[in-house]
Protein backbone atom coordinates (compact mmCIF):
# COMPACT_ATOMS: atom_id res chain seq x y z
CA MET A 1 35.73 86.78 96.12
CA LEU A 2 37.76 89.51 94.40
CA LYS A 3 37.51 87.61 91.12
CA VAL A 4 33.70 87.54 91.29
CA LEU A 5 33.58 91.24 92.13
CA LYS A 6 35.82 92.12 89.19
CA GLN A 7 33.61 90.07 86.88
CA SER A 8 30.71 92.21 88.11
CA ASN A 9 32.68 95.37 87.23
CA ILE A 10 33.24 96.17 90.90
CA PHE A 11 36.89 96.90 91.60
CA VAL A 12 37.89 96.75 95.26
CA GLU A 13 41.27 97.08 96.96
CA ILE A 14 42.16 94.02 99.06
CA VAL A 15 42.87 96.19 102.12
CA ASN A 16 39.30 97.54 101.97
CA VAL A 17 37.90 94.01 101.70
CA LYS A 18 39.81 92.98 104.82
CA GLN A 19 38.59 96.08 106.65
CA LEU A 20 35.01 95.35 105.58
CA LEU A 21 35.17 91.77 106.83
CA GLN A 22 36.69 92.89 110.11
CA GLU A 23 33.96 95.49 110.61
CA LEU A 24 31.32 92.85 109.99
CA GLY A 25 32.78 90.61 112.66
CA PHE A 26 34.28 87.91 110.46
CA SER A 27 37.49 86.34 111.77
CA PHE A 28 40.35 85.89 109.30
CA ASN A 29 40.72 82.29 110.40
CA GLY A 30 37.03 81.70 111.08
CA PRO A 31 34.56 79.43 109.29
CA ALA A 32 33.81 80.01 105.62
CA CYS A 33 30.60 81.75 104.60
CA SER A 34 28.66 82.08 101.37
CA PHE A 35 28.12 85.31 99.44
CA LEU A 36 24.51 85.30 100.60
CA ASP A 37 25.60 85.19 104.25
CA LEU A 38 28.08 88.00 103.61
CA PHE A 39 25.56 90.26 101.88
CA ALA A 40 22.94 89.51 104.55
CA LYS A 41 25.41 90.59 107.20
CA ILE A 42 26.21 93.77 105.25
CA LYS A 43 22.52 94.58 104.92
CA ALA A 44 21.93 94.02 108.64
CA THR A 45 24.91 96.22 109.49
CA LEU A 46 23.75 99.06 107.26
CA GLN A 47 20.23 98.82 108.68
CA GLY A 48 21.76 99.06 112.13
CA PHE A 49 23.54 102.29 111.16
CA GLU A 50 20.26 103.75 109.87
CA GLN A 51 18.44 102.81 113.08
CA ASN A 52 21.16 104.56 115.08
CA GLY A 53 20.70 107.75 113.07
CA LEU A 54 23.90 107.40 111.02
CA GLU A 55 23.84 108.52 107.42
CA VAL A 56 24.14 105.77 104.83
CA ASP A 57 24.46 106.58 101.14
CA SER A 58 22.89 103.62 99.32
CA ARG A 59 24.71 104.53 96.10
CA HIS A 60 28.10 103.93 97.72
CA ALA A 61 27.36 101.55 100.56
CA SER A 62 27.18 98.54 98.27
CA HIS A 63 30.73 98.81 97.02
CA VAL A 64 34.06 100.58 97.49
CA SER A 65 35.60 102.83 94.88
CA ALA A 66 39.01 101.68 93.77
CA TYR A 67 39.91 105.26 92.93
CA SER A 68 38.89 107.01 96.14
CA GLY A 69 40.28 104.26 98.40
CA GLN A 70 37.51 105.11 100.89
CA PRO A 71 35.40 102.61 102.87
CA PRO A 72 31.63 102.50 102.49
CA VAL A 73 29.99 105.59 103.95
CA GLY A 74 27.99 103.48 106.40
CA LEU A 75 31.17 102.07 107.90
CA LYS A 76 32.97 105.37 108.48
CA ALA A 77 31.62 105.75 112.01
CA ASN A 78 33.13 102.45 113.08
CA LEU A 79 36.41 103.21 111.30
CA GLN A 80 36.73 106.43 113.28
CA THR A 81 36.40 104.38 116.44
CA HIS A 82 39.16 102.06 115.25
CA ASN A 83 41.41 105.07 114.75
CA SER A 84 41.26 105.68 118.51
CA ILE A 85 42.50 102.18 119.40
CA PRO A 86 46.22 103.13 119.35
CA GLN A 87 45.54 106.01 121.74
CA ILE A 88 43.64 103.75 124.15
CA ILE A 89 46.39 101.12 123.99
CA ALA A 90 48.96 103.85 124.77
CA GLN A 91 46.91 104.80 127.86
CA ILE A 92 46.78 101.17 128.96
CA LYS A 93 50.52 100.73 128.49
CA ASN A 94 51.23 103.80 130.61
CA LEU A 95 48.86 102.51 133.29
CA PHE A 96 50.51 99.08 133.34
CA TYR A 97 53.98 100.62 133.37
CA ALA A 98 53.06 102.86 136.31
CA SER A 99 52.13 99.78 138.36
CA ARG A 100 55.84 98.79 138.36
CA LYS A 101 54.84 95.19 137.72
CA ARG A 102 56.03 92.88 134.98
CA ILE A 103 53.70 92.19 132.09
CA ASP A 104 53.31 88.52 133.12
CA GLU A 105 52.37 89.55 136.67
CA ILE A 106 49.64 91.84 135.35
CA PHE A 107 48.27 89.06 133.14
CA LYS A 108 48.15 86.62 136.08
CA GLU A 109 46.30 89.15 138.23
CA ALA A 110 43.74 89.89 135.52
CA LYS A 111 42.90 86.39 134.28
CA LEU A 112 40.70 83.82 136.01
CA GLY A 113 41.91 80.64 134.31
CA GLN A 114 44.43 79.94 131.62
CA TYR A 115 43.09 82.71 129.40
CA LEU A 116 41.88 86.26 129.92
CA ASP A 117 38.26 86.99 128.99
CA GLU A 118 36.58 90.31 128.35
CA ASN A 119 34.77 90.56 131.71
CA SER A 120 37.96 89.86 133.66
CA PHE A 121 39.78 92.45 131.57
CA VAL A 122 37.18 95.11 132.32
CA ASP A 123 37.04 94.18 136.03
CA TYR A 124 40.81 94.50 136.33
CA PHE A 125 40.68 98.14 135.21
CA LYS A 126 37.98 98.80 137.81
CA GLN A 127 40.38 97.48 140.45
CA LEU A 128 43.01 99.91 139.16
CA ASN A 129 40.50 102.80 139.45
CA SER A 130 41.18 103.61 135.82
CA ASP A 131 39.33 106.45 134.10
CA ILE A 132 39.30 104.55 130.78
CA ALA A 133 35.69 103.89 129.73
CA SER A 134 34.47 100.29 129.82
CA ASP A 135 33.41 100.48 126.17
CA ASP A 136 36.92 101.54 125.20
CA ILE A 137 38.39 98.66 127.21
CA LYS A 138 36.08 96.19 125.47
CA LEU A 139 36.99 97.68 122.08
CA VAL A 140 40.70 97.21 122.77
CA PHE A 141 40.15 93.69 124.10
CA ASN A 142 38.36 92.68 120.89
CA HIS A 143 41.19 94.19 118.86
CA ALA A 144 43.96 92.47 120.87
CA ALA A 145 42.16 89.12 120.98
CA GLY A 146 41.52 89.09 117.24
CA GLY A 147 37.75 89.13 117.65
CA ARG A 148 37.69 86.12 119.98
CA ASN A 149 36.18 85.97 123.47
CA ARG A 150 39.46 85.16 125.19
CA MET A 151 43.06 86.31 125.04
CA SER A 152 46.27 84.34 125.49
CA PHE A 153 49.36 85.68 127.23
CA GLU A 154 51.15 85.94 123.89
CA GLN A 155 48.38 88.20 122.54
CA PHE A 156 48.34 90.19 125.77
CA GLU A 157 52.10 90.70 125.76
CA ARG A 158 52.18 91.61 122.06
CA SER A 159 49.53 94.32 122.53
CA PHE A 160 50.37 95.84 125.92
CA LYS A 161 54.06 95.29 126.64
CA TRP A 162 55.86 98.60 126.93
CA GLU A 163 59.27 99.39 125.53
CA VAL A 164 61.91 100.93 127.80
CA PRO A 165 63.92 103.24 125.51
CA SER A 166 67.67 103.62 125.82
CA GLY A 167 70.74 104.44 123.77
CA ALA A 168 72.18 107.45 122.03
CA HIS A 169 69.48 107.56 119.34
CA PHE A 170 66.65 107.88 121.89
CA GLU A 171 68.61 110.44 123.89
CA THR A 172 69.22 112.63 120.84
CA ASP A 173 65.64 112.30 119.55
CA ALA A 174 64.03 112.99 122.94
CA LEU A 175 66.15 116.08 123.61
CA ARG A 176 65.49 117.35 120.11
CA ARG A 177 61.72 116.99 120.61
CA LEU A 178 62.01 118.83 123.91
CA ARG A 179 63.97 121.69 122.33
CA GLU A 180 61.55 121.90 119.38
CA TRP A 181 58.72 122.35 121.88
CA MET A 182 60.75 125.13 123.52
CA PHE A 183 61.47 126.91 120.21
CA LYS A 184 57.88 126.75 118.96
CA ARG A 185 56.71 128.53 122.11
CA GLY A 186 59.46 131.11 122.01
CA LEU A 187 60.91 129.98 125.34
CA SER A 188 64.49 130.12 126.52
CA SER A 189 66.19 127.33 128.43
CA GLU A 190 65.38 129.05 131.73
CA THR A 191 61.74 129.88 130.97
CA SER A 192 61.05 126.39 129.62
CA PHE A 193 62.28 124.92 132.91
CA GLU A 194 60.01 127.38 134.74
CA GLN A 195 57.06 126.01 132.76
CA PHE A 196 57.84 122.53 134.08
CA LEU A 197 58.15 123.89 137.64
CA LYS A 198 54.73 125.57 137.34
CA HIS A 199 52.99 122.43 136.08
CA ALA A 200 54.57 120.42 138.91
CA GLY A 201 53.88 123.06 141.57
CA LYS A 202 57.59 123.34 142.40
CA ILE A 203 58.32 127.02 141.77
CA LYS A 204 59.58 127.49 145.32
CA GLU A 205 61.73 124.34 145.38
CA GLN A 206 63.30 125.05 141.95
CA ARG A 207 63.93 121.33 141.34
CA LEU A 208 61.99 118.36 139.92
CA ASN A 209 61.95 114.78 141.10
CA GLN A 210 60.82 111.96 138.84
CA LEU A 211 57.10 112.36 139.62
CA ASP A 212 57.34 116.14 139.19
CA PHE A 213 58.99 115.64 135.83
CA HIS A 214 56.05 113.46 134.70
CA LYS A 215 53.67 116.29 135.67
CA GLY A 216 55.79 118.79 133.77
CA ILE A 217 55.79 116.70 130.59
CA VAL A 218 52.03 116.08 130.70
CA GLY A 219 51.21 119.69 131.63
CA SER A 220 53.33 121.01 128.77
CA GLY A 221 51.46 118.88 126.22
CA LEU A 222 54.54 116.93 125.17
CA GLU A 223 53.80 113.49 123.72
CA PHE A 224 56.04 111.06 125.57
CA SER A 225 55.05 107.65 126.92
CA ALA A 226 55.61 106.94 130.63
CA PRO A 227 58.75 104.83 129.97
CA GLU A 228 60.11 107.58 127.71
CA ILE A 229 59.56 110.19 130.42
CA ASP A 230 61.50 108.11 132.94
CA ALA A 231 64.29 107.55 130.42
CA LEU A 232 64.47 111.28 129.60
CA PHE A 233 64.56 112.12 133.31
CA ALA A 234 67.55 109.79 133.69
CA VAL A 235 69.30 111.60 130.82
CA LEU A 236 68.80 115.01 132.45
CA ASP A 237 69.69 113.75 135.94
CA SER A 238 73.36 113.55 135.02
CA ASP A 239 74.69 112.95 138.55
CA HIS A 240 71.94 110.42 139.45
CA ALA A 241 70.81 112.49 142.43
CA GLY A 242 67.15 111.80 141.72
CA GLU A 243 66.30 115.37 140.72
CA VAL A 244 66.65 117.82 137.85
CA THR A 245 67.77 121.39 138.59
CA LEU A 246 68.09 124.38 136.29
CA ASP A 247 71.84 123.84 135.95
CA LYS A 248 71.35 120.23 134.80
CA TRP A 249 68.51 121.30 132.49
CA LYS A 250 70.57 124.00 130.76
CA VAL A 251 73.36 121.54 129.96
CA ARG A 252 71.06 119.45 127.74
CA VAL A 253 68.05 121.68 126.94
CA TYR A 254 69.85 124.61 125.36
CA GLU A 255 69.36 127.13 122.57
CA ASP A 256 71.09 125.62 119.53
CA SER A 257 72.33 128.96 118.23
CA GLN A 258 74.11 129.62 121.52
CA ASN A 259 75.69 126.22 121.91
CA PRO A 260 76.88 124.84 118.56
CA LEU A 261 79.49 122.59 120.19
CA GLN A 262 76.78 120.82 122.20
CA LEU A 263 74.76 120.26 119.04
CA LEU A 264 77.83 118.93 117.25
CA ARG A 265 78.48 116.51 120.10
CA GLU A 266 74.96 115.10 119.83
CA VAL A 267 75.27 114.66 116.08
CA ILE A 268 78.54 112.77 116.61
CA ARG A 269 76.95 110.56 119.28
CA GLU A 270 73.81 109.84 117.25
CA ASN A 271 75.76 108.79 114.15
CA GLY A 272 78.51 106.93 116.00
CA LEU A 273 81.26 109.00 114.43
CA THR A 274 84.92 108.71 115.43
CA SER A 275 87.63 111.34 115.37
CA ASP A 276 89.00 109.80 112.15
CA ASP A 277 85.55 110.11 110.56
CA LEU A 278 85.40 113.80 111.41
CA LEU A 279 88.90 114.53 110.16
CA ASP A 280 88.18 112.68 106.94
CA LYS A 281 84.91 114.58 106.34
CA MET A 282 86.60 117.89 107.08
CA HIS A 283 89.56 116.98 104.83
CA LEU A 284 92.00 117.48 107.68
CA ARG A 285 93.82 114.13 107.40
CA VAL A 286 96.69 115.67 105.51
CA TRP A 287 99.02 112.82 106.35
CA ASP A 288 96.94 110.49 104.17
CA GLU A 289 97.26 112.68 101.11
CA ASP A 290 99.75 111.89 98.36
CA LEU A 291 102.98 113.77 98.81
CA GLU A 292 104.01 116.04 95.98
CA TYR A 293 107.73 115.61 95.35
CA PRO A 294 109.53 118.36 93.50
CA GLY A 295 110.68 117.41 90.05
CA PHE A 296 114.37 117.01 89.38
């Protein structure tokens, strides 16, 4: 196909061709079609955009510029919808995670037979009293199922399984994101904790449990997934008492300029440095240096 287009002096990037075929509903592993079928489908799609009041520029709708890298103007509306798919999937992952069920248990509850179809997928979200629109759910189903009318467990797991973060790298990154939020708003360690208390309605109690901490994160506009929020709560809850107080908060959510040793400790943890590494970098391993004997 690309060869024929080039012979016609139409130069198209392969990624745009794939996007075009996907927008037109062609499966990558589906049956072959002729050029006439393809162009007929393009014409029908563009006519559909015009009927829906969407602007189509006929000078650019017939091909894609290799220099601009932009899709046909008539397809931009659908591409904007596709840009929202990751956000919808993130919502679904958080919803599934909040159910405290395994991913295979959720799949079994949602499906009717061996596979999960679109109607069963939409009905399952109604059972969960989800505020995600049915059209968005159908859009995500089509994306996860590869354009087919049913979804296997492997496809379901690949699209909606959540990751539970852990380790020194996550801990350092999450705390750094939290402190950056604090600095950008000109907050101190104490006032940033007060913001969380306000969003959770816990000003009087002066402490946050796990659910309160979720409310604080969401209310503050911080972008953490539900598993990340739970993992960050565990980091701040140093004594595993099931709550975060101001004293615990200040140990980890601090002003960098006032606590350089704490910052240094996190850098050491993140990079897996040892005491020998530090001494070597600071040129303090004097016993490894060549001895200078006096000349006789």
